[in-house]
Every structure is written in C-alpha cells, then in structure tokens.
C-alpha atoms as a PDB file:
ATOM      1  CA  MET A   1      76.090 200.004 -12.732  1.00  0.00           C
ATOM      2  CA  ILE A   2      79.500 201.119 -11.427  1.00  0.00           C
ATOM      3  CA  LYS A   3      79.517 204.089 -13.791  1.00  0.00           C
ATOM      4  CA  GLU A   4      76.034 205.119 -12.604  1.00  0.00           C
ATOM      5  CA  ILE A   5      77.011 204.709  -8.923  1.00  0.00           C
ATOM      6  CA  LYS A   6      80.056 206.942  -9.385  1.00  0.00           C
ATOM      7  CA  TYR A   7      77.936 209.504 -11.215  1.00  0.00           C
ATOM      8  CA  LEU A   8      75.313 209.629  -8.446  1.00  0.00           C
ATOM      9  CA  LEU A   9      77.943 209.866  -5.707  1.00  0.00           C
ATOM     10  CA  LYS A  10      79.500 212.828  -7.488  1.00  0.00           C
ATOM     11  CA  LYS A  11      76.146 214.435  -8.316  1.00  0.00           C
ATOM     12  CA  HIS A  12      75.045 214.460  -4.671  1.00  0.00           C
ATOM     13  CA  ASN A  13      78.527 215.151  -3.264  1.00  0.00           C
ATOM     14  CA  ILE A  14      78.412 211.961  -1.168  1.00  0.00           C
ATOM     15  CA  THR A  15      81.421 210.276   0.423  1.00  0.00           C
ATOM     16  CA  LEU A  16      81.474 206.481   0.223  1.00  0.00           C
ATOM     17  CA  ALA A  17      83.175 204.684   3.120  1.00  0.00           C
ATOM     18  CA  ALA A  18      83.863 200.936   3.251  1.00  0.00           C
ATOM     19  CA  HIS A  19      85.325 198.683   5.915  1.00  0.00           C
ATOM     20  CA  TYR A  20      88.159 196.315   4.986  1.00  0.00           C
ATOM     21  CA  TYR A  21      85.796 193.332   5.220  1.00  0.00           C
ATOM     22  CA  GLU A  22      83.428 194.561   2.501  1.00  0.00           C
ATOM     23  CA  LYS A  23      83.275 192.879  -0.897  1.00  0.00           C
ATOM     24  CA  ASP A  24      85.991 193.918  -3.366  1.00  0.00           C
ATOM     25  CA  GLU A  25      83.499 195.498  -5.774  1.00  0.00           C
ATOM     26  CA  ILE A  26      82.428 197.966  -3.071  1.00  0.00           C
ATOM     27  CA  PHE A  27      85.799 198.417  -1.385  1.00  0.00           C
ATOM     28  CA  ASP A  28      87.530 199.223  -4.672  1.00  0.00           C
ATOM     29  CA  ILE A  29      85.309 202.253  -5.433  1.00  0.00           C
ATOM     30  CA  ALA A  30      85.143 203.678  -1.898  1.00  0.00           C
ATOM     31  CA  ASP A  31      86.501 207.137  -1.097  1.00  0.00           C
ATOM     32  CA  LEU A  32      87.427 206.148   2.455  1.00  0.00           C
ATOM     33  CA  THR A  33      88.576 202.695   3.583  1.00  0.00           C
ATOM     34  CA  GLY A  34      89.995 201.326   6.797  1.00  0.00           C
ATOM     35  CA  ASP A  35      89.342 199.413   9.986  1.00  0.00           C
ATOM     36  CA  SER A  36      86.946 200.655  12.658  1.00  0.00           C
ATOM     37  CA  LEU A  37      89.340 203.159  14.244  1.00  0.00           C
ATOM     38  CA  GLU A  38      90.579 204.548  10.928  1.00  0.00           C
ATOM     39  CA  LEU A  39      87.055 205.026   9.602  1.00  0.00           C
ATOM     40  CA  ALA A  40      85.869 206.613  12.854  1.00  0.00           C
ATOM     41  CA  LYS A  41      88.620 209.215  12.587  1.00  0.00           C
ATOM     42  CA  LYS A  42      88.177 209.805   8.847  1.00  0.00           C
ATOM     43  CA  THR A  43      84.389 210.139   8.856  1.00  0.00           C
ATOM     44  CA  ALA A  44      84.391 212.390  11.931  1.00  0.00           C
ATOM     45  CA  LYS A  45      85.982 215.140   9.814  1.00  0.00           C
ATOM     46  CA  LEU A  46      83.552 215.022   6.886  1.00  0.00           C
ATOM     47  CA  LYS A  47      81.465 218.029   5.884  1.00  0.00           C
ATOM     48  CA  LYS A  48      79.252 216.260   3.323  1.00  0.00           C
ATOM     49  CA  PRO A  49      76.781 213.313   3.300  1.00  0.00           C
ATOM     50  CA  LEU A  50      78.132 209.848   3.977  1.00  0.00           C
ATOM     51  CA  ILE A  51      77.181 206.385   2.780  1.00  0.00           C
ATOM     52  CA  PHE A  52      78.773 203.802   5.057  1.00  0.00           C
ATOM     53  CA  CYS A  53      79.247 200.235   3.848  1.00  0.00           C
ATOM     54  CA  GLY A  54      79.774 198.065   6.883  1.00  0.00           C
ATOM     55  CA  VAL A  55      77.636 196.941   9.804  1.00  0.00           C
ATOM     56  CA  SER A  56      75.111 198.963  11.788  1.00  0.00           C
ATOM     57  CA  PHE A  57      77.294 199.873  14.762  1.00  0.00           C
ATOM     58  CA  MET A  58      79.773 201.539  12.372  1.00  0.00           C
ATOM     59  CA  GLY A  59      77.055 203.739  10.900  1.00  0.00           C
ATOM     60  CA  GLU A  60      75.886 204.622  14.412  1.00  0.00           C
ATOM     61  CA  SER A  61      79.415 205.565  15.487  1.00  0.00           C
ATOM     62  CA  ALA A  62      79.897 207.718  12.397  1.00  0.00           C
ATOM     63  CA  LYS A  63      76.633 209.561  13.128  1.00  0.00           C
ATOM     64  CA  ILE A  64      77.441 210.032  16.821  1.00  0.00           C
ATOM     65  CA  LEU A  65      80.909 211.415  16.053  1.00  0.00           C
ATOM     66  CA  ASN A  66      79.621 213.627  13.247  1.00  0.00           C
ATOM     67  CA  PRO A  67      75.945 214.455  13.922  1.00  0.00           C
ATOM     68  CA  SER A  68      75.823 217.395  11.501  1.00  0.00           C
ATOM     69  CA  ILE A  69      75.945 215.247   8.341  1.00  0.00           C
ATOM     70  CA  PRO A  70      73.410 212.694   7.064  1.00  0.00           C
ATOM     71  CA  VAL A  71      74.690 209.119   7.301  1.00  0.00           C
ATOM     72  CA  PHE A  72      73.152 206.363   5.191  1.00  0.00           C
ATOM     73  CA  MET A  73      73.778 202.625   4.902  1.00  0.00           C
ATOM     74  CA  PRO A  74      72.842 200.501   1.851  1.00  0.00           C
ATOM     75  CA  ARG A  75      72.068 197.646   4.259  1.00  0.00           C
ATOM     76  CA  LEU A  76      71.398 197.794   8.000  1.00  0.00           C
ATOM     77  CA  ALA A  77      73.538 194.723   8.583  1.00  0.00           C
ATOM     78  CA  ASP A  78      73.885 193.470  12.158  1.00  0.00           C
ATOM     79  CA  CYS A  79      77.111 192.256  13.770  1.00  0.00           C
ATOM     80  CA  SER A  80      76.579 188.953  15.603  1.00  0.00           C
ATOM     81  CA  MET A  81      79.027 189.954  18.340  1.00  0.00           C
ATOM     82  CA  ALA A  82      77.235 193.260  18.897  1.00  0.00           C
ATOM     83  CA  ARG A  83      73.939 191.374  19.158  1.00  0.00           C
ATOM     84  CA  MET A  84      75.384 189.172  21.925  1.00  0.00           C
ATOM     85  CA  ALA A  85      75.773 192.220  24.160  1.00  0.00           C
ATOM     86  CA  GLU A  86      72.068 192.651  24.806  1.00  0.00           C
ATOM     87  CA  ILE A  87      71.107 195.495  27.118  1.00  0.00           C
ATOM     88  CA  GLU A  88      69.606 193.212  29.771  1.00  0.00           C
ATOM     89  CA  LYS A  89      72.635 190.899  29.821  1.00  0.00           C
ATOM     90  CA  VAL A  90      75.022 193.821  30.228  1.00  0.00           C
ATOM     91  CA  LYS A  91      72.869 195.349  32.971  1.00  0.00           C
ATOM     92  CA  LYS A  92      72.846 192.028  34.836  1.00  0.00           C
ATOM     93  CA  ASP A  93      76.644 191.892  34.624  1.00  0.00           C
ATOM     94  CA  ILE A  94      76.892 195.420  35.989  1.00  0.00           C
ATOM     95  CA  GLU A  95      74.465 194.592  38.815  1.00  0.00           C
ATOM     96  CA  LEU A  96      76.610 191.566  39.705  1.00  0.00           C
ATOM     97  CA  LEU A  97      79.805 193.620  39.679  1.00  0.00           C
ATOM     98  CA  LYS A  98      78.212 196.121  42.044  1.00  0.00           C
ATOM     99  CA  LYS A  99      76.790 193.363  44.257  1.00  0.00           C
ATOM    100  CA  GLU A 100      80.316 191.939  44.595  1.00  0.00           C
ATOM    101  CA  ASN A 101      81.531 195.442  45.574  1.00  0.00           C
ATOM    102  CA  ILE A 102      83.925 195.512  42.620  1.00  0.00           C
ATOM    103  CA  ASN A 103      85.208 198.958  41.748  1.00  0.00           C
ATOM    104  CA  PHE A 104      85.308 198.827  37.947  1.00  0.00           C
ATOM    105  CA  ILE A 105      85.541 200.868  34.776  1.00  0.00           C
ATOM    106  CA  PRO A 106      84.023 199.585  31.524  1.00  0.00           C
ATOM    107  CA  VAL A 107      85.987 199.262  28.290  1.00  0.00           C
ATOM    108  CA  CYS A 108      83.785 198.424  25.339  1.00  0.00           C
ATOM    109  CA  TYR A 109      84.896 197.123  21.966  1.00  0.00           C
ATOM    110  CA  VAL A 110      83.540 199.270  19.129  1.00  0.00           C
ATOM    111  CA  ASN A 111      81.628 196.198  17.899  1.00  0.00           C
ATOM    112  CA  SER A 112      78.630 197.154  20.023  1.00  0.00           C
ATOM    113  CA  SER A 113      75.386 199.076  19.727  1.00  0.00           C
ATOM    114  CA  ALA A 114      74.996 202.769  20.488  1.00  0.00           C
ATOM    115  CA  LYS A 115      72.895 201.826  23.544  1.00  0.00           C
ATOM    116  CA  ILE A 116      75.758 199.790  25.006  1.00  0.00           C
ATOM    117  CA  LYS A 117      78.259 202.541  24.229  1.00  0.00           C
ATOM    118  CA  ALA A 118      75.952 204.953  26.075  1.00  0.00           C
ATOM    119  CA  ILE A 119      76.022 202.784  29.212  1.00  0.00           C
ATOM    120  CA  VAL A 120      79.830 202.770  29.033  1.00  0.00           C
ATOM    121  CA  GLY A 121      79.889 206.545  28.652  1.00  0.00           C
ATOM    122  CA  GLU A 122      77.584 207.004  31.651  1.00  0.00           C
ATOM    123  CA  LEU A 123      79.963 204.910  33.760  1.00  0.00           C
ATOM    124  CA  GLY A 124      83.037 206.899  32.712  1.00  0.00           C
ATOM    125  CA  GLY A 125      84.496 204.221  30.469  1.00  0.00           C
ATOM    126  CA  SER A 126      85.894 204.148  26.974  1.00  0.00           C
ATOM    127  CA  ILE A 127      85.357 202.488  23.626  1.00  0.00           C
ATOM    128  CA  CYS A 128      88.261 200.647  22.018  1.00  0.00           C
ATOM    129  CA  THR A 129      89.063 199.026  18.687  1.00  0.00           C
ATOM    130  CA  SER A 130      91.292 196.013  18.119  1.00  0.00           C
ATOM    131  CA  SER A 131      94.133 198.359  17.154  1.00  0.00           C
ATOM    132  CA  SER A 132      93.657 200.587  20.212  1.00  0.00           C
ATOM    133  CA  ALA A 133      92.670 197.974  22.821  1.00  0.00           C
ATOM    134  CA  GLU A 134      96.109 197.790  24.428  1.00  0.00           C
ATOM    135  CA  LYS A 135      96.392 201.571  24.779  1.00  0.00           C
ATOM    136  CA  ILE A 136      92.829 201.945  26.091  1.00  0.00           C
ATOM    137  CA  VAL A 137      93.238 199.122  28.624  1.00  0.00           C
ATOM    138  CA  GLN A 138      96.513 200.675  29.831  1.00  0.00           C
ATOM    139  CA  TRP A 139      94.595 203.916  30.374  1.00  0.00           C
ATOM    140  CA  ALA A 140      91.902 202.033  32.307  1.00  0.00           C
ATOM    141  CA  ILE A 141      94.440 200.188  34.464  1.00  0.00           C
ATOM    142  CA  LYS A 142      95.815 203.546  35.603  1.00  0.00           C
ATOM    143  CA  GLN A 143      92.393 204.330  37.109  1.00  0.00           C
ATOM    144  CA  ASN A 144      93.203 201.723  39.816  1.00  0.00           C
ATOM    145  CA  LYS A 145      89.988 199.868  39.100  1.00  0.00           C
ATOM    146  CA  LYS A 146      89.143 196.496  37.652  1.00  0.00           C
ATOM    147  CA  ILE A 147      88.069 196.539  34.007  1.00  0.00           C
ATOM    148  CA  TYR A 148      84.757 195.212  32.732  1.00  0.00           C
ATOM    149  CA  PHE A 149      85.595 194.397  29.094  1.00  0.00           C
ATOM    150  CA  LEU A 150      82.833 193.786  26.577  1.00  0.00           C
ATOM    151  CA  PRO A 151      81.646 192.230  24.379  1.00  0.00           C
ATOM    152  CA  ASP A 152      84.602 190.174  23.021  1.00  0.00           C
ATOM    153  CA  LYS A 153      86.171 187.907  25.628  1.00  0.00           C
ATOM    154  CA  ASN A 154      89.009 186.899  23.292  1.00  0.00           C
ATOM    155  CA  LEU A 155      90.149 190.462  22.667  1.00  0.00           C
ATOM    156  CA  GLY A 156      89.920 191.049  26.417  1.00  0.00           C
ATOM    157  CA  LYS A 157      91.968 187.965  27.263  1.00  0.00           C
ATOM    158  CA  ASN A 158      94.568 188.538  24.558  1.00  0.00           C
ATOM    159  CA  THR A 159      95.031 192.162  25.583  1.00  0.00           C
ATOM    160  CA  ALA A 160      95.380 191.122  29.224  1.00  0.00           C
ATOM    161  CA  LYS A 161      98.049 188.570  28.350  1.00  0.00           C
ATOM    162  CA  LYS A 162      99.994 191.140  26.351  1.00  0.00           C
ATOM    163  CA  LEU A 163      99.926 193.537  29.305  1.00  0.00           C
ATOM    164  CA  GLY A 164     100.724 190.866  31.910  1.00  0.00           C
ATOM    165  CA  VAL A 165      97.448 191.064  33.818  1.00  0.00           C
ATOM    166  CA  LYS A 166      94.809 188.436  34.588  1.00  0.00           C
ATOM    167  CA  ALA A 167      91.541 188.108  32.659  1.00  0.00           C
ATOM    168  CA  LYS A 168      88.508 185.896  33.259  1.00  0.00           C
ATOM    169  CA  VAL A 169      84.998 185.696  31.882  1.00  0.00           C
ATOM    170  CA  ILE A 170      82.405 186.920  34.359  1.00  0.00           C
ATOM    171  CA  ARG A 171      80.827 184.074  36.384  1.00  0.00           C
ATOM    172  CA  GLU A 172      83.770 181.748  35.690  1.00  0.00           C
ATOM    173  CA  LYS A 173      85.366 180.227  38.778  1.00  0.00           C
ATOM    174  CA  ASN A 174      87.184 182.933  40.774  1.00  0.00           C
ATOM    175  CA  TRP A 175      86.301 185.587  38.195  1.00  0.00           C
ATOM    176  CA  GLN A 176      86.323 188.236  40.929  1.00  0.00           C
ATOM    177  CA  GLU A 177      90.110 187.883  41.208  1.00  0.00           C
ATOM    178  CA  ALA A 178      90.760 188.963  37.614  1.00  0.00           C
ATOM    179  CA  ASP A 179      92.062 192.385  36.629  1.00  0.00           C
ATOM    180  CA  ILE A 180      89.971 192.286  33.453  1.00  0.00           C
ATOM    181  CA  ILE A 181      86.478 190.799  33.774  1.00  0.00           C
ATOM    182  CA  CYS A 182      85.125 189.879  30.348  1.00  0.00           C
ATOM    183  CA  PHE A 183      81.617 189.677  28.983  1.00  0.00           C
ATOM    184  CA  ASP A 184      80.995 186.264  27.425  1.00  0.00           C
ATOM    185  CA  GLY A 185      80.916 187.282  23.745  1.00  0.00           C
ATOM    186  CA  HIS A 186      82.910 186.390  20.643  1.00  0.00           C
ATOM    187  CA  CYS A 187      83.194 186.855  16.867  1.00  0.00           C
ATOM    188  CA  SER A 188      81.609 184.046  14.853  1.00  0.00           C
ATOM    189  CA  VAL A 189      84.218 184.392  12.091  1.00  0.00           C
ATOM    190  CA  HIS A 190      87.335 184.418  14.261  1.00  0.00           C
ATOM    191  CA  GLN A 191      86.060 181.436  16.256  1.00  0.00           C
ATOM    192  CA  LEU A 192      86.636 179.366  13.086  1.00  0.00           C
ATOM    193  CA  PHE A 193      90.429 179.452  13.448  1.00  0.00           C
ATOM    194  CA  MET A 194      91.884 176.504  15.380  1.00  0.00           C
ATOM    195  CA  PRO A 195      95.341 175.440  16.651  1.00  0.00           C
ATOM    196  CA  GLU A 196      95.263 172.337  14.441  1.00  0.00           C
ATOM    197  CA  GLN A 197      95.010 174.563  11.356  1.00  0.00           C
ATOM    198  CA  ILE A 198      98.224 176.287  12.399  1.00  0.00           C
ATOM    199  CA  GLU A 199      99.862 172.907  12.925  1.00  0.00           C
ATOM    200  CA  PHE A 200      98.776 171.853   9.425  1.00  0.00           C
ATOM    201  CA  TYR A 201     100.366 174.880   7.768  1.00  0.00           C
ATOM    202  CA  LYS A 202     103.522 174.708   9.909  1.00  0.00           C
ATOM    203  CA  GLU A 203     104.007 171.088   8.852  1.00  0.00           C
ATOM    204  CA  LYS A 204     103.406 171.872   5.182  1.00  0.00           C
ATOM    205  CA  PHE A 205     105.488 175.083   5.128  1.00  0.00           C
ATOM    206  CA  PRO A 206     108.075 175.093   7.978  1.00  0.00           C
ATOM    207  CA  ASP A 207     108.977 178.762   7.396  1.00  0.00           C
ATOM    208  CA  ILE A 208     105.396 180.050   7.114  1.00  0.00           C
ATOM    209  CA  LYS A 209     104.322 183.069   9.147  1.00  0.00           C
ATOM    210  CA  ILE A 210     101.041 182.704  11.029  1.00  0.00           C
ATOM    211  CA  VAL A 211      99.204 186.020  11.266  1.00  0.00           C
ATOM    212  CA  VAL A 212      95.956 186.360  13.224  1.00  0.00           C
ATOM    213  CA  HIS A 213      93.493 188.892  14.594  1.00  0.00           C
ATOM    214  CA  PRO A 214      93.157 189.330  18.407  1.00  0.00           C
ATOM    215  CA  GLU A 215      89.491 188.261  18.197  1.00  0.00           C
ATOM    216  CA  CYS A 216      90.872 184.722  17.731  1.00  0.00           C
ATOM    217  CA  SER A 217      91.116 182.467  20.772  1.00  0.00           C
ATOM    218  CA  PRO A 218      94.106 182.888  23.115  1.00  0.00           C
ATOM    219  CA  GLU A 219      95.253 179.376  22.098  1.00  0.00           C
ATOM    220  CA  VAL A 220      95.456 180.444  18.442  1.00  0.00           C
ATOM    221  CA  CYS A 221      97.082 183.792  19.234  1.00  0.00           C
ATOM    222  CA  LYS A 222      99.726 182.072  21.364  1.00  0.00           C
ATOM    223  CA  MET A 223     100.836 179.995  18.354  1.00  0.00           C
ATOM    224  CA  ALA A 224     100.908 182.939  15.909  1.00  0.00           C
ATOM    225  CA  ASP A 225     103.962 184.836  14.696  1.00  0.00           C
ATOM    226  CA  PHE A 226     102.011 188.090  14.606  1.00  0.00           C
ATOM    227  CA  VAL A 227      98.771 189.187  16.255  1.00  0.00           C
ATOM    228  CA  GLY A 228      97.216 192.458  15.190  1.00  0.00           C
ATOM    229  CA  SER A 229      94.188 194.451  14.143  1.00  0.00           C
ATOM    230  CA  THR A 230      93.089 194.561  10.521  1.00  0.00           C
ATOM    231  CA  SER A 231      95.163 197.668   9.796  1.00  0.00           C
ATOM    232  CA  GLN A 232      98.135 196.216  11.675  1.00  0.00           C
ATOM    233  CA  ILE A 233      97.889 193.001   9.652  1.00  0.00           C
ATOM    234  CA  LEU A 234      97.846 195.084   6.473  1.00  0.00           C
ATOM    235  CA  ASN A 235     101.052 196.858   7.514  1.00  0.00           C
ATOM    236  CA  TYR A 236     102.679 193.556   8.494  1.00  0.00           C
ATOM    237  CA  VAL A 237     101.943 192.079   5.058  1.00  0.00           C
ATOM    238  CA  LYS A 238     103.261 195.216   3.334  1.00  0.00           C
ATOM    239  CA  ASN A 239     106.497 194.849   5.288  1.00  0.00           C
ATOM    240  CA  HIS A 240     106.795 191.143   4.385  1.00  0.00           C
ATOM    241  CA  PRO A 241     105.700 191.076   0.724  1.00  0.00           C
ATOM    242  CA  LYS A 242     107.484 187.854  -0.229  1.00  0.00           C
ATOM    243  CA  GLU A 243     107.059 185.608   2.822  1.00  0.00           C
ATOM    244  CA  THR A 244     104.591 182.728   2.844  1.00  0.00           C
ATOM    245  CA  MET A 245     101.770 183.450   5.274  1.00  0.00           C
ATOM    246  CA  ALA A 246      98.565 181.944   6.607  1.00  0.00           C
ATOM    247  CA  ILE A 247      96.250 184.665   7.880  1.00  0.00           C
ATOM    248  CA  GLY A 248      93.406 184.196  10.332  1.00  0.00           C
ATOM    249  CA  THR A 249      90.845 186.907   9.737  1.00  0.00           C
ATOM    250  CA  GLU A 250      87.937 187.754   7.412  1.00  0.00           C
ATOM    251  CA  PHE A 251      88.119 186.244   3.906  1.00  0.00           C
ATOM    252  CA  ASN A 252      87.532 189.359   1.753  1.00  0.00           C
ATOM    253  CA  PHE A 253      90.389 191.174   3.450  1.00  0.00           C
ATOM    254  CA  VAL A 254      92.792 188.228   3.246  1.00  0.00           C
ATOM    255  CA  ASN A 255      91.928 187.577  -0.395  1.00  0.00           C
ATOM    256  CA  ARG A 256      92.593 191.258  -1.206  1.00  0.00           C
ATOM    257  CA  LEU A 257      96.002 191.078   0.494  1.00  0.00           C
ATOM    258  CA  LYS A 258      96.782 188.076  -1.709  1.00  0.00           C
ATOM    259  CA  ARG A 259      95.557 189.923  -4.803  1.00  0.00           C
ATOM    260  CA  ASP A 260      97.275 193.250  -4.193  1.00  0.00           C
ATOM    261  CA  ILE A 261     100.403 192.618  -2.121  1.00  0.00           C
ATOM    262  CA  ASN A 262     101.575 189.045  -1.616  1.00  0.00           C
ATOM    263  CA  PRO A 263     100.458 186.046  -3.717  1.00  0.00           C
ATOM    264  CA  ASN A 264     101.968 183.666  -1.139  1.00  0.00           C
ATOM    265  CA  ILE A 265      99.079 184.071   1.297  1.00  0.00           C
ATOM    266  CA  TYR A 266      96.716 181.352   2.521  1.00  0.00           C
ATOM    267  CA  VAL A 267      93.501 181.589   4.507  1.00  0.00           C
ATOM    268  CA  LEU A 268      93.972 179.996   7.927  1.00  0.00           C
ATOM    269  CA  SER A 269      90.885 177.798   7.964  1.00  0.00           C
ATOM    270  CA  SER A 270      89.368 174.793   6.271  1.00  0.00           C
ATOM    271  CA  THR A 271      86.100 176.689   5.675  1.00  0.00           C
ATOM    272  CA  LYS A 272      85.680 180.138   4.128  1.00  0.00           C
ATOM    273  CA  PRO A 273      85.839 182.667   7.010  1.00  0.00           C
ATOM    274  CA  GLU A 274      83.433 185.120   5.459  1.00  0.00           C
ATOM    275  CA  CYS A 275      81.537 187.541   7.692  1.00  0.00           C
ATOM    276  CA  PRO A 276      77.858 187.138   6.747  1.00  0.00           C
ATOM    277  CA  SER A 277      77.011 190.600   8.066  1.00  0.00           C
ATOM    278  CA  MET A 278      79.727 192.443   6.145  1.00  0.00           C
ATOM    279  CA  ASN A 279      78.829 190.506   3.009  1.00  0.00           C
ATOM    280  CA  GLU A 280      75.177 191.541   3.094  1.00  0.00           C
ATOM    281  CA  THR A 281      75.885 194.806   1.295  1.00  0.00           C
ATOM    282  CA  THR A 282      75.908 194.492  -2.508  1.00  0.00           C
ATOM    283  CA  MET A 283      76.426 196.856  -5.420  1.00  0.00           C
ATOM    284  CA  GLN A 284      72.717 196.597  -6.105  1.00  0.00           C
ATOM    285  CA  ASN A 285      71.972 197.787  -2.544  1.00  0.00           C
ATOM    286  CA  LEU A 286      74.313 200.729  -3.032  1.00  0.00           C
ATOM    287  CA  TYR A 287      72.805 201.611  -6.400  1.00  0.00           C
ATOM    288  CA  ASP A 288      69.233 201.355  -5.093  1.00  0.00           C
ATOM    289  CA  LEU A 289      70.020 203.681  -2.176  1.00  0.00           C
ATOM    290  CA  LEU A 290      71.665 206.244  -4.457  1.00  0.00           C
ATOM    291  CA  LYS A 291      68.688 206.144  -6.833  1.00  0.00           C
ATOM    292  CA  ALA A 292      66.356 206.721  -3.889  1.00  0.00           C
ATOM    293  CA  ILE A 293      68.444 209.695  -2.751  1.00  0.00           C
ATOM    294  CA  ASP A 294      68.406 211.015  -6.324  1.00  0.00           C
ATOM    295  CA  GLU A 295      64.599 210.735  -6.384  1.00  0.00           C
ATOM    296  CA  GLU A 296      64.383 212.482  -2.991  1.00  0.00           C
ATOM    297  CA  GLN A 297      63.107 209.331  -1.292  1.00  0.00           C
ATOM    298  CA  PRO A 298      66.128 208.355   0.836  1.00  0.00           C
ATOM    299  CA  TYR A 299      65.994 205.472   3.313  1.00  0.00           C
ATOM    300  CA  ASN A 300      68.279 203.735   5.836  1.00  0.00           C
ATOM    301  CA  GLU A 301      69.416 207.056   7.250  1.00  0.00           C
ATOM    302  CA  ILE A 302      71.074 206.465  10.607  1.00  0.00           C
ATOM    303  CA  LYS A 303      69.358 208.160  13.537  1.00  0.00           C
ATOM    304  CA  VAL A 304      70.480 207.890  17.155  1.00  0.00           C
ATOM    305  CA  ASP A 305      68.404 209.014  20.147  1.00  0.00           C
ATOM    306  CA  GLU A 306      69.787 212.284  21.524  1.00  0.00           C
ATOM    307  CA  ASN A 307      70.429 211.021  25.073  1.00  0.00           C
ATOM    308  CA  ILE A 308      71.975 207.779  23.842  1.00  0.00           C
ATOM    309  CA  ALA A 309      74.176 209.710  21.414  1.00  0.00           C
ATOM    310  CA  LYS A 310      75.271 212.131  24.158  1.00  0.00           C
ATOM    311  CA  ASN A 311      76.488 209.369  26.489  1.00  0.00           C
ATOM    312  CA  ALA A 312      77.920 207.207  23.706  1.00  0.00           C
ATOM    313  CA  LEU A 313      79.888 210.218  22.481  1.00  0.00           C
ATOM    314  CA  LYS A 314      81.564 210.506  25.884  1.00  0.00           C
ATOM    315  CA  ALA A 315      82.967 206.982  25.517  1.00  0.00           C
ATOM    316  CA  LEU A 316      83.908 207.461  21.858  1.00  0.00           C
ATOM    317  CA  ASN A 317      85.605 210.786  22.584  1.00  0.00           C
ATOM    318  CA  THR A 318      87.658 209.165  25.325  1.00  0.00           C
ATOM    319  CA  MET A 319      88.955 206.668  22.758  1.00  0.00           C
ATOM    320  CA  MET A 320      89.629 209.417  20.211  1.00  0.00           C
ATOM    321  CA  GLU A 321      91.499 211.458  22.798  1.00  0.00           C
ATOM    322  CA  ILE A 322      93.665 208.550  23.976  1.00  0.00           C
ATOM    323  CA  THR A 323      94.502 207.428  20.425  1.00  0.00           C
ATOM    324  CA  LYS A 324      95.028 210.822  18.752  1.00  0.00           C
END
C-alpha cells in the first residue's frame, strides 16, 4: 500500500502534510511535517494540491492561507477543544465582555474552527499557536486592552504567568480584574497529566527532566523543567539526547522522540495520552482518498465560506506577520 500511495502522490503532484501527532506510518512518508505554526507557514507557500493529515481546523487554515490550491483531508477529524468553542458560547462571552464595558482584543488559539477565527478577525484580534502564544499575547498587551483568550484556558493561564500578568476564566470570581480573560476550554489529552505523575518520576529518577506542553494545567507546568510547544519540545530533546526525560504531550510524538532521538524517554502519564482525533487518519484512509482522486471522484476537499475565510484570514495574517 505504501508503494501505491507514493506512486499516486507523485502521479498527481500532490504534497502530503502531517502534524507531529499523526501515526508514524503516515508521518514517516509525509513531504511536510511540523506543529501547527510550522505547517501553516509551509503549506501557505505551496503551488500544488495538498493532502493534510491532521484535524479539520488545520485543513481549514491551510485553505484560508492558500485558497488557490485544492486541499484534501483523508479524514475530517474533529478536535475536541475546537468543538468546545461553539459559536453561541463565544458570542455569549463577547456579549458579557461588552456588557461589563471591558475594552478587549481577542487572541484565539489555532485549535479552533474557521467560524471562530472569523469572529476574531472581525474584532481585530489574532490567532496564535502554542509556540507563538507568548509573542502574540505581548503584541495584544501593547494594544492597552484586556485580552479575551480562547479556547484553551491552560495555554492562556500559562502564557499569562510567563509574562507576569493575571489570567482568569470568564465568570470566575473577580474575572473582570484579570488582564487575560480565558474561555473555559481545554485539551482532553493534556488534561491527563497530573502533579502526582511528576512526583512519581522524580522519586524514581532524581535527575529526570520533566518536559510538558503549555496545554497542561498550570500546576503541572509549574513543576516541569521545560514547558514548550511541540516543535520546542522537539528541539529541547535534540539538545539533550542522553538525559532521562518524562514528557507530557501526545503519545505518537513522544514515542517517535524515543525511537529517533533519545531512548531514555518516558510518557508522563499512567494511561496512553493518545489524541483520538489525530489517530483517526489511517493509511487506508489516505490510500482510498488518493484512489478517488485518481478516478476523478475526489472527496473531503476543504471548502470555506468566502466571508468566513476573508475575516479568518485577517486573524491568521496577523499571526503570520508577528511571527515572521
């Protein structure tokens, strides 16, 4: 099947992109790999068709940033965090912010739908990724407004702590006093990592390095030796190839770091922290899509409403400009 997939990709001059959290079998044959920010930048420059292996919001972002090429996904997998930020919930938050006379600017994590990104663009805000959150929030702070950060409260709180400002979840006690007001969303995978797991590894290996993603809770991040995005974690591991580590992020990525760079790596959880959405895409899905394209019956092509795309692009372009 792999041989046939490679043949069809070449035959139709298609670029295959895969997020770090995809299964090894897909990741290992991809032309482009990376975290959300890296893939956004790489796919924005393409001149040929794209198949994106990831979750739906990534395919949407690729299409919005590069509308001239066809973008397909083997599976239209949904991100649970993105689903939390429902349009009506976000609109109610915005209504409340206005009712409280709070002058705010929205900063939206890339793990969100095109419709939510469009609302952020309309309000003059920006998208961010976990690797760019600090830089984007610094930009927003300079606007002399409070920040409405969505949908991941943990990334919002951890970024606030790093920058020395106050963050609270909207509707919490005294939330109006916060510099960063967070939507009440989270990542189902990164919620699995707990302080007691860090304590377990520290007791077993006194010199172990604890490495976690900023979608983890502030309590977990506080106890870690390094907190960073997926790409930042990759660089950290490359720079510490012999140290014992316990890493708190998605299983496929951690397992690949163990396989390719440092065998002394452990997964920081008692259960397998595997993203169900990222793991939906299989080689069979990829093969079936390529066969359909070959037979001129393509499906799962990403389409974004023109007005939604226009406003979402404003927010995405702000991120691209700040992080270039």
